[in-house]
Amino acid sequence: MKQFLSFVKKEFYHIFRDKRTMFILLGMPIAQIIIFGFALTNEVKNAKIAILDHSKDAVTASLITEIESSRYFEIEESLSSDKEIEAVFHKGIVKLVMVIPAHFGEDLQHFNKAQIQLIADATDPNVANQLTNYASAIVMDYQKRITYERKLPYTINTEMRMLYNPQMKGAYNFVPGVMAMVLLLVCTMMTAITIVREKETGTMEILLVSPVKPIMVVIAKAIPYLLLSTINIFSILILSVFVLEVPINGSITLLLGVSILFILVSLALGLLISAATETQQTAMFISLIALFLPTVMLSGFMFPVENMPTPLRVVSNIIPAKWYYNIVKSVMIKGLGVSAIWKELLVLTGMLLFFLILAIKKFKIRLA
């Protein structure tokens, strides 16, 4: 019994000495509870919308106040003309535009009925459906209230229009998300074990005594995976267009260019993990397990980022897949150009330089 307790004691010493093990045992469950507790929700809250009020009377002001007081919507912008609708969607912030026609209050007073148009960004069909349903429900509640107050059978009809995805196909949201998730995880995982494999197999000595500089060793290891990942892009796009019937509305050259940039970011991240770890098991764990949850939960692919608490929204900004996912939706689905995605391009370029420089610095030119 005494020997058994000694082994148990020794095992505790090993666990407490290894910080990575302590993080896995204590940190990961906490992180998963927080992410699953706050991010796993299909409820839409605090969605940013725009209002185009042609009527501008007391009735529309009351209706807009009703919408603004709801926890589902935040009025981001007030538009002045129909021409601004397309432009506000191009910014990628507003998910819904409510168009109130001229003489809304007069039509309601004289004819006891009026009409409102809801225009939603349907690149994410689920979010578009929920937003239009929430807005329609608020309008219905407003209609019931004024009918009760004035004892008149008022009727407000809502007309819905889905931009970019009128058929509400889930593939329009699925394809950009899968592209971001697959490229990041596969590229990172493939390169994460490259340098650490050399350490474990004992071939690192051969690389270190060669006249090749460390930066060239790192880049040489990334090139084969860059070529293989480029083939993956073509296969995904071909399947998307001809099997899933998701059109490429924007420039295919721009789409391929930003995809290659995202691949380079993923490869640089994988090289950083590989240079910073000592075993293939650790490198595989970090690249697969530690990146999988944030990529799926915080990229906006499965759950809208704007619905999450502020700390998680801040953390989502360091997830490369989030920025690439936004780019693919803008270029492939909305048909936008560089002017609409320049911020995302700058962020991905910054991440590429940061990961690559750090990977080169972490690459040890001496084994001992």
Protein backbone atom coordinates (compact mmCIF):
# COMPACT_ATOMS: atom_id res chain seq x y z
CA MET A 1 0.00 0.00 0.00
CA LYS A 2 2.86 2.34 0.87
CA GLN A 3 4.51 1.70 -2.53
CA PHE A 4 1.22 2.35 -4.29
CA LEU A 5 0.81 5.69 -2.53
CA SER A 6 4.39 6.56 -3.48
CA PHE A 7 3.55 6.01 -7.17
CA VAL A 8 0.43 8.12 -6.79
CA LYS A 9 2.49 10.87 -5.15
CA LYS A 10 5.11 10.68 -7.91
CA GLU A 11 2.40 11.00 -10.57
CA PHE A 12 1.08 14.13 -8.90
CA TYR A 13 4.59 15.58 -8.98
CA HIS A 14 4.80 14.91 -12.73
CA ILE A 15 1.43 16.59 -13.36
CA PHE A 16 2.23 19.67 -11.28
CA ARG A 17 5.65 20.00 -12.95
CA ASP A 18 4.17 19.95 -16.49
CA LYS A 19 2.39 23.24 -17.13
CA ARG A 20 0.80 21.97 -20.35
CA THR A 21 -0.78 19.07 -18.52
CA MET A 22 -2.07 21.41 -15.84
CA PHE A 23 -3.59 23.60 -18.54
CA ILE A 24 -5.28 20.63 -20.19
CA LEU A 25 -6.66 19.30 -16.92
CA LEU A 26 -7.80 22.60 -15.43
CA GLY A 27 -7.88 25.23 -18.17
CA MET A 28 -9.56 23.43 -21.06
CA PRO A 29 -12.76 22.47 -19.17
CA ILE A 30 -13.17 26.08 -18.04
CA ALA A 31 -12.61 27.37 -21.57
CA GLN A 32 -15.09 24.90 -23.03
CA ILE A 33 -17.76 25.74 -20.45
CA ILE A 34 -17.40 29.46 -21.20
CA ILE A 35 -17.44 28.99 -24.98
CA PHE A 36 -20.31 26.51 -25.02
CA GLY A 37 -22.27 28.48 -22.44
CA PHE A 38 -22.12 31.82 -24.22
CA ALA A 39 -21.39 31.10 -27.88
CA LEU A 40 -23.67 28.11 -28.48
CA THR A 41 -26.90 29.92 -29.11
CA ASN A 42 -29.02 30.38 -32.19
CA GLU A 43 -30.83 33.35 -30.69
CA VAL A 44 -30.17 36.63 -32.45
CA LYS A 45 -29.55 39.57 -30.12
CA ASN A 46 -28.35 43.12 -30.65
CA ALA A 47 -28.35 42.74 -34.43
CA LYS A 48 -27.40 45.95 -36.21
CA ILE A 49 -30.06 47.22 -38.61
CA ALA A 50 -30.70 50.32 -40.71
CA ILE A 51 -33.93 52.29 -41.07
CA LEU A 52 -35.08 54.03 -44.25
CA ASP A 53 -38.01 56.22 -43.19
CA HIS A 54 -39.64 57.99 -46.13
CA SER A 55 -42.62 59.09 -44.03
CA LYS A 56 -40.92 60.74 -41.03
CA ASP A 57 -44.09 61.32 -39.03
CA ALA A 58 -45.14 60.70 -35.45
CA VAL A 59 -46.39 57.18 -36.20
CA THR A 60 -43.09 56.03 -37.74
CA ALA A 61 -41.13 57.69 -34.93
CA SER A 62 -43.17 55.67 -32.43
CA LEU A 63 -42.58 52.45 -34.39
CA ILE A 64 -38.82 53.10 -34.64
CA THR A 65 -38.70 53.72 -30.89
CA GLU A 66 -40.44 50.36 -30.39
CA ILE A 67 -37.82 48.62 -32.51
CA GLU A 68 -34.92 50.40 -30.84
CA SER A 69 -36.14 49.45 -27.37
CA SER A 70 -36.13 45.77 -28.33
CA ARG A 71 -33.16 43.69 -27.18
CA TYR A 72 -32.99 42.09 -30.61
CA PHE A 73 -32.01 45.16 -32.62
CA GLU A 74 -29.61 48.08 -32.55
CA ILE A 75 -30.23 50.83 -35.10
CA GLU A 76 -26.82 51.33 -36.67
CA GLU A 77 -27.75 53.81 -39.38
CA SER A 78 -30.63 55.92 -40.65
CA LEU A 79 -30.75 55.99 -44.44
CA SER A 80 -32.05 58.81 -46.60
CA SER A 81 -32.57 57.12 -49.99
CA ASP A 82 -33.08 53.71 -51.61
CA LYS A 83 -29.66 53.96 -53.24
CA GLU A 84 -27.99 53.64 -49.83
CA ILE A 85 -29.49 50.20 -49.12
CA GLU A 86 -27.03 48.22 -51.24
CA ALA A 87 -24.10 50.26 -49.95
CA VAL A 88 -24.97 49.66 -46.30
CA PHE A 89 -25.12 45.91 -46.89
CA HIS A 90 -21.71 46.03 -48.59
CA LYS A 91 -20.17 47.24 -45.33
CA GLY A 92 -21.04 43.90 -43.76
CA ILE A 93 -22.27 45.39 -40.47
CA VAL A 94 -26.00 45.78 -41.05
CA LYS A 95 -28.01 42.56 -41.40
CA LEU A 96 -31.47 44.06 -41.99
CA VAL A 97 -32.94 47.23 -43.50
CA MET A 98 -36.47 48.31 -42.64
CA VAL A 99 -38.03 50.48 -45.35
CA ILE A 100 -41.01 52.59 -44.29
CA PRO A 101 -42.83 54.06 -47.32
CA ALA A 102 -43.98 57.66 -47.67
CA HIS A 103 -47.34 58.63 -46.11
CA PHE A 104 -47.18 55.65 -43.74
CA GLY A 105 -49.00 57.46 -40.94
CA GLU A 106 -51.61 58.91 -43.30
CA ASP A 107 -52.33 55.51 -44.86
CA LEU A 108 -52.76 54.05 -41.41
CA GLN A 109 -55.10 56.84 -40.32
CA HIS A 110 -57.22 57.11 -43.48
CA PHE A 111 -57.19 53.58 -44.88
CA ASN A 112 -56.50 51.66 -41.64
CA LYS A 113 -53.64 49.79 -43.31
CA ALA A 114 -50.02 50.39 -44.31
CA GLN A 115 -47.02 48.43 -45.52
CA ILE A 116 -43.41 47.97 -44.41
CA GLN A 117 -40.60 46.33 -46.36
CA LEU A 118 -37.92 44.22 -44.63
CA ILE A 119 -34.74 43.66 -46.65
CA ALA A 120 -32.35 41.11 -45.11
CA ASP A 121 -28.84 39.91 -45.91
CA ALA A 122 -29.57 36.26 -46.67
CA THR A 123 -25.98 35.06 -47.01
CA ASP A 124 -26.74 33.44 -43.65
CA PRO A 125 -30.31 32.14 -44.16
CA ASN A 126 -30.91 31.26 -40.50
CA VAL A 127 -30.00 34.74 -39.26
CA ALA A 128 -32.03 36.38 -42.04
CA ASN A 129 -35.08 34.31 -41.14
CA GLN A 130 -34.80 35.10 -37.46
CA LEU A 131 -34.28 38.82 -38.00
CA THR A 132 -37.29 39.15 -40.31
CA ASN A 133 -39.41 37.10 -37.90
CA TYR A 134 -38.36 39.26 -34.94
CA ALA A 135 -39.01 42.48 -36.86
CA SER A 136 -42.40 41.21 -38.02
CA ALA A 137 -43.31 40.28 -34.46
CA ILE A 138 -42.42 43.76 -33.20
CA VAL A 139 -44.53 45.35 -35.94
CA MET A 140 -47.43 43.05 -35.04
CA ASP A 141 -47.14 43.97 -31.36
CA TYR A 142 -47.14 47.65 -32.31
CA GLN A 143 -50.18 47.10 -34.52
CA LYS A 144 -52.08 45.39 -31.68
CA ARG A 145 -51.21 48.17 -29.26
CA ILE A 146 -52.39 51.04 -31.46
CA THR A 147 -55.51 49.05 -32.42
CA TYR A 148 -56.32 48.59 -28.74
CA GLU A 149 -55.69 52.26 -27.95
CA ARG A 150 -57.75 53.66 -30.84
CA LYS A 151 -60.33 50.89 -31.25
CA LEU A 152 -59.69 50.67 -35.00
CA PRO A 153 -58.76 47.55 -37.01
CA TYR A 154 -55.36 48.78 -38.20
CA THR A 155 -53.33 46.46 -40.42
CA ILE A 156 -49.60 46.77 -41.12
CA ASN A 157 -48.37 44.37 -43.79
CA THR A 158 -44.67 43.42 -43.95
CA GLU A 159 -43.05 42.59 -47.26
CA MET A 160 -39.81 40.56 -47.00
CA ARG A 161 -36.95 40.53 -49.46
CA MET A 162 -33.80 38.38 -49.17
CA LEU A 163 -30.67 39.80 -50.78
CA TYR A 164 -27.86 37.64 -52.23
CA ASN A 165 -29.68 34.38 -51.42
CA PRO A 166 -33.36 34.68 -52.42
CA GLN A 167 -33.88 30.89 -52.33
CA MET A 168 -32.54 30.77 -48.75
CA LYS A 169 -30.11 27.93 -49.46
CA GLY A 170 -28.02 26.86 -46.48
CA ALA A 171 -25.06 26.13 -48.75
CA TYR A 172 -24.49 29.88 -49.22
CA ASN A 173 -23.44 30.03 -45.56
CA PHE A 174 -22.05 26.50 -45.38
CA VAL A 175 -19.47 26.77 -48.18
CA PRO A 176 -17.55 29.85 -46.89
CA GLY A 177 -17.55 28.38 -43.38
CA VAL A 178 -16.26 24.99 -44.49
CA MET A 179 -13.56 26.64 -46.63
CA ALA A 180 -12.32 28.63 -43.62
CA MET A 181 -12.47 25.69 -41.22
CA VAL A 182 -10.93 23.07 -43.50
CA LEU A 183 -8.08 25.23 -44.78
CA LEU A 184 -7.11 26.47 -41.32
CA LEU A 185 -7.26 23.12 -39.53
CA VAL A 186 -5.76 20.99 -42.29
CA CYS A 187 -2.95 23.40 -43.19
CA THR A 188 -2.07 24.04 -39.56
CA MET A 189 -2.19 20.36 -38.64
CA MET A 190 -0.08 19.27 -41.63
CA THR A 191 2.70 21.74 -40.91
CA ALA A 192 2.55 21.55 -37.10
CA ILE A 193 4.31 18.19 -37.02
CA THR A 194 7.00 18.93 -39.64
CA ILE A 195 9.79 20.45 -37.53
CA VAL A 196 8.96 18.49 -34.40
CA ARG A 197 9.10 15.26 -36.43
CA GLU A 198 12.67 16.10 -37.34
CA LYS A 199 13.46 16.52 -33.66
CA GLU A 200 11.92 13.18 -32.69
CA THR A 201 13.48 11.17 -35.52
CA GLY A 202 16.93 12.68 -34.96
CA THR A 203 17.28 14.16 -38.45
CA MET A 204 17.33 17.73 -37.19
CA GLU A 205 21.14 17.50 -36.79
CA ILE A 206 21.46 17.02 -40.55
CA LEU A 207 19.40 20.13 -41.21
CA LEU A 208 21.37 22.22 -38.73
CA VAL A 209 24.77 21.36 -40.17
CA SER A 210 23.63 22.13 -43.71
CA PRO A 211 24.52 25.52 -45.21
CA VAL A 212 20.82 26.40 -45.52
CA LYS A 213 19.65 29.25 -43.29
CA PRO A 214 16.88 28.55 -40.74
CA ILE A 215 14.40 30.78 -42.61
CA MET A 216 14.92 28.74 -45.77
CA VAL A 217 14.39 25.50 -43.84
CA VAL A 218 11.09 26.82 -42.50
CA ILE A 219 9.91 28.07 -45.90
CA ALA A 220 10.98 24.85 -47.63
CA LYS A 221 8.81 22.85 -45.28
CA ALA A 222 5.79 25.04 -46.03
CA ILE A 223 5.94 25.01 -49.85
CA PRO A 224 4.65 21.41 -50.43
CA TYR A 225 1.68 22.04 -48.15
CA LEU A 226 0.98 25.34 -49.93
CA LEU A 227 0.70 23.51 -53.25
CA LEU A 228 -1.51 20.76 -51.80
CA SER A 229 -3.77 23.31 -50.12
CA THR A 230 -4.12 25.25 -53.37
CA ILE A 231 -5.43 22.05 -54.97
CA ASN A 232 -7.92 21.83 -52.07
CA ILE A 233 -9.21 25.32 -52.90
CA PHE A 234 -9.91 24.37 -56.51
CA SER A 235 -11.67 21.15 -55.49
CA ILE A 236 -13.84 22.97 -52.93
CA LEU A 237 -14.82 25.69 -55.41
CA ILE A 238 -15.59 23.18 -58.17
CA LEU A 239 -17.82 21.16 -55.83
CA SER A 240 -19.47 24.34 -54.56
CA VAL A 241 -20.37 25.61 -58.03
CA PHE A 242 -21.31 22.38 -59.81
CA VAL A 243 -22.64 20.22 -56.96
CA LEU A 244 -23.98 22.65 -54.34
CA GLU A 245 -24.92 25.29 -56.96
CA VAL A 246 -23.33 28.15 -55.03
CA PRO A 247 -22.27 30.80 -57.59
CA ILE A 248 -19.06 32.79 -57.51
CA ASN A 249 -20.51 36.27 -57.93
CA GLY A 250 -17.24 38.14 -57.48
CA SER A 251 -13.77 37.94 -59.00
CA ILE A 252 -12.44 34.39 -58.96
CA THR A 253 -8.90 35.78 -59.17
CA LEU A 254 -9.47 37.82 -56.02
CA LEU A 255 -11.05 34.82 -54.30
CA LEU A 256 -8.07 32.60 -55.15
CA GLY A 257 -5.64 35.32 -54.06
CA VAL A 258 -7.17 35.79 -50.62
CA SER A 259 -7.47 32.01 -50.23
CA ILE A 260 -3.74 31.61 -50.85
CA LEU A 261 -3.10 34.40 -48.32
CA PHE A 262 -5.22 32.53 -45.77
CA ILE A 263 -3.35 29.30 -46.52
CA LEU A 264 -0.05 31.08 -45.88
CA VAL A 265 -1.41 32.35 -42.55
CA SER A 266 -2.46 28.80 -41.59
CA LEU A 267 0.91 27.35 -42.65
CA ALA A 268 2.80 30.01 -40.69
CA LEU A 269 0.69 29.22 -37.62
CA GLY A 270 1.43 25.52 -38.06
CA LEU A 271 5.16 26.20 -38.37
CA LEU A 272 5.04 28.30 -35.20
CA ILE A 273 3.35 25.47 -33.30
CA SER A 274 5.89 23.00 -34.72
CA ALA A 275 8.88 25.15 -33.75
CA ALA A 276 7.55 25.81 -30.24
CA THR A 277 6.75 22.18 -29.30
CA GLU A 278 8.95 19.19 -28.60
CA THR A 279 6.72 16.22 -29.45
CA GLN A 280 4.40 15.40 -32.34
CA GLN A 281 1.65 14.55 -29.86
CA THR A 282 1.73 18.04 -28.35
CA ALA A 283 1.86 19.69 -31.77
CA MET A 284 -1.08 17.62 -32.97
CA PHE A 285 -3.10 18.39 -29.86
CA ILE A 286 -2.59 22.14 -30.15
CA SER A 287 -3.28 22.28 -33.90
CA LEU A 288 -6.33 20.01 -33.84
CA ILE A 289 -8.02 20.30 -30.47
CA ALA A 290 -7.04 23.79 -29.29
CA LEU A 291 -7.80 25.40 -32.67
CA PHE A 292 -10.92 23.44 -33.55
CA LEU A 293 -13.27 24.86 -30.91
CA PRO A 294 -12.36 28.55 -31.42
CA THR A 295 -12.50 28.15 -35.21
CA VAL A 296 -15.95 26.57 -35.18
CA MET A 297 -17.47 28.62 -32.38
CA LEU A 298 -15.91 32.06 -32.77
CA SER A 299 -15.46 32.49 -36.54
CA GLY A 300 -19.13 33.35 -37.15
CA PHE A 301 -19.63 30.22 -39.24
CA MET A 302 -22.06 28.41 -36.93
CA PHE A 303 -23.06 31.13 -34.48
CA PRO A 304 -23.21 34.91 -35.11
CA VAL A 305 -20.32 36.66 -33.35
CA GLU A 306 -22.41 39.75 -32.62
CA ASN A 307 -24.65 37.67 -30.33
CA MET A 308 -21.77 36.77 -28.02
CA PRO A 309 -20.62 38.70 -24.92
CA THR A 310 -18.01 41.40 -25.44
CA PRO A 311 -15.03 39.31 -24.17
CA LEU A 312 -15.74 36.56 -26.69
CA ARG A 313 -16.24 39.09 -29.48
CA VAL A 314 -12.80 40.50 -28.67
CA VAL A 315 -11.24 37.01 -28.64
CA SER A 316 -12.84 36.22 -32.01
CA ASN A 317 -10.69 38.92 -33.61
CA ILE A 318 -7.57 36.77 -33.20
CA ILE A 319 -9.17 33.82 -35.02
CA PRO A 320 -7.86 33.92 -38.63
CA ALA A 321 -10.89 31.94 -39.88
CA LYS A 322 -13.24 34.78 -38.88
CA TRP A 323 -11.60 37.24 -41.26
CA TYR A 324 -11.33 34.77 -44.13
CA TYR A 325 -14.96 33.70 -43.65
CA ASN A 326 -16.07 37.34 -43.98
CA ILE A 327 -13.94 37.74 -47.11
CA VAL A 328 -15.36 34.65 -48.83
CA LYS A 329 -18.94 35.74 -48.10
CA SER A 330 -18.23 39.23 -49.44
CA VAL A 331 -16.43 38.13 -52.62
CA MET A 332 -18.09 34.82 -53.45
CA ILE A 333 -21.68 35.48 -52.37
CA LYS A 334 -22.08 39.27 -52.49
CA GLY A 335 -19.76 39.84 -55.45
CA LEU A 336 -17.79 42.65 -53.80
CA GLY A 337 -14.24 43.80 -54.55
CA VAL A 338 -11.08 44.79 -52.70
CA SER A 339 -12.62 48.05 -51.44
CA ALA A 340 -15.04 46.03 -49.28
CA ILE A 341 -12.49 43.62 -47.79
CA TRP A 342 -9.35 45.73 -47.37
CA LYS A 343 -9.55 45.64 -43.57
CA GLU A 344 -9.74 41.85 -43.50
CA LEU A 345 -6.82 41.64 -45.94
CA LEU A 346 -4.70 43.87 -43.70
CA VAL A 347 -5.52 41.76 -40.64
CA LEU A 348 -4.60 38.49 -42.40
CA THR A 349 -1.38 40.00 -43.76
CA GLY A 350 -0.45 41.17 -40.27
CA MET A 351 -1.14 37.71 -38.86
CA LEU A 352 1.01 36.11 -41.58
CA LEU A 353 4.00 38.32 -40.78
CA PHE A 354 3.55 37.87 -37.03
CA PHE A 355 3.32 34.05 -37.15
CA LEU A 356 6.16 33.71 -39.66
CA ILE A 357 8.59 35.96 -37.75
CA LEU A 358 7.75 34.23 -34.49
CA ALA A 359 8.19 30.77 -36.07
CA ILE A 360 11.64 31.73 -37.37
CA LYS A 361 12.65 33.08 -33.96
CA LYS A 362 11.38 29.95 -32.20
CA PHE A 363 13.27 27.70 -34.61
CA LYS A 364 16.26 26.47 -32.62
CA ILE A 365 19.51 26.38 -34.55
CA ARG A 366 21.13 24.34 -31.73
CA LEU A 367 19.71 21.22 -30.17
CA ALA A 368 21.44 21.69 -26.86
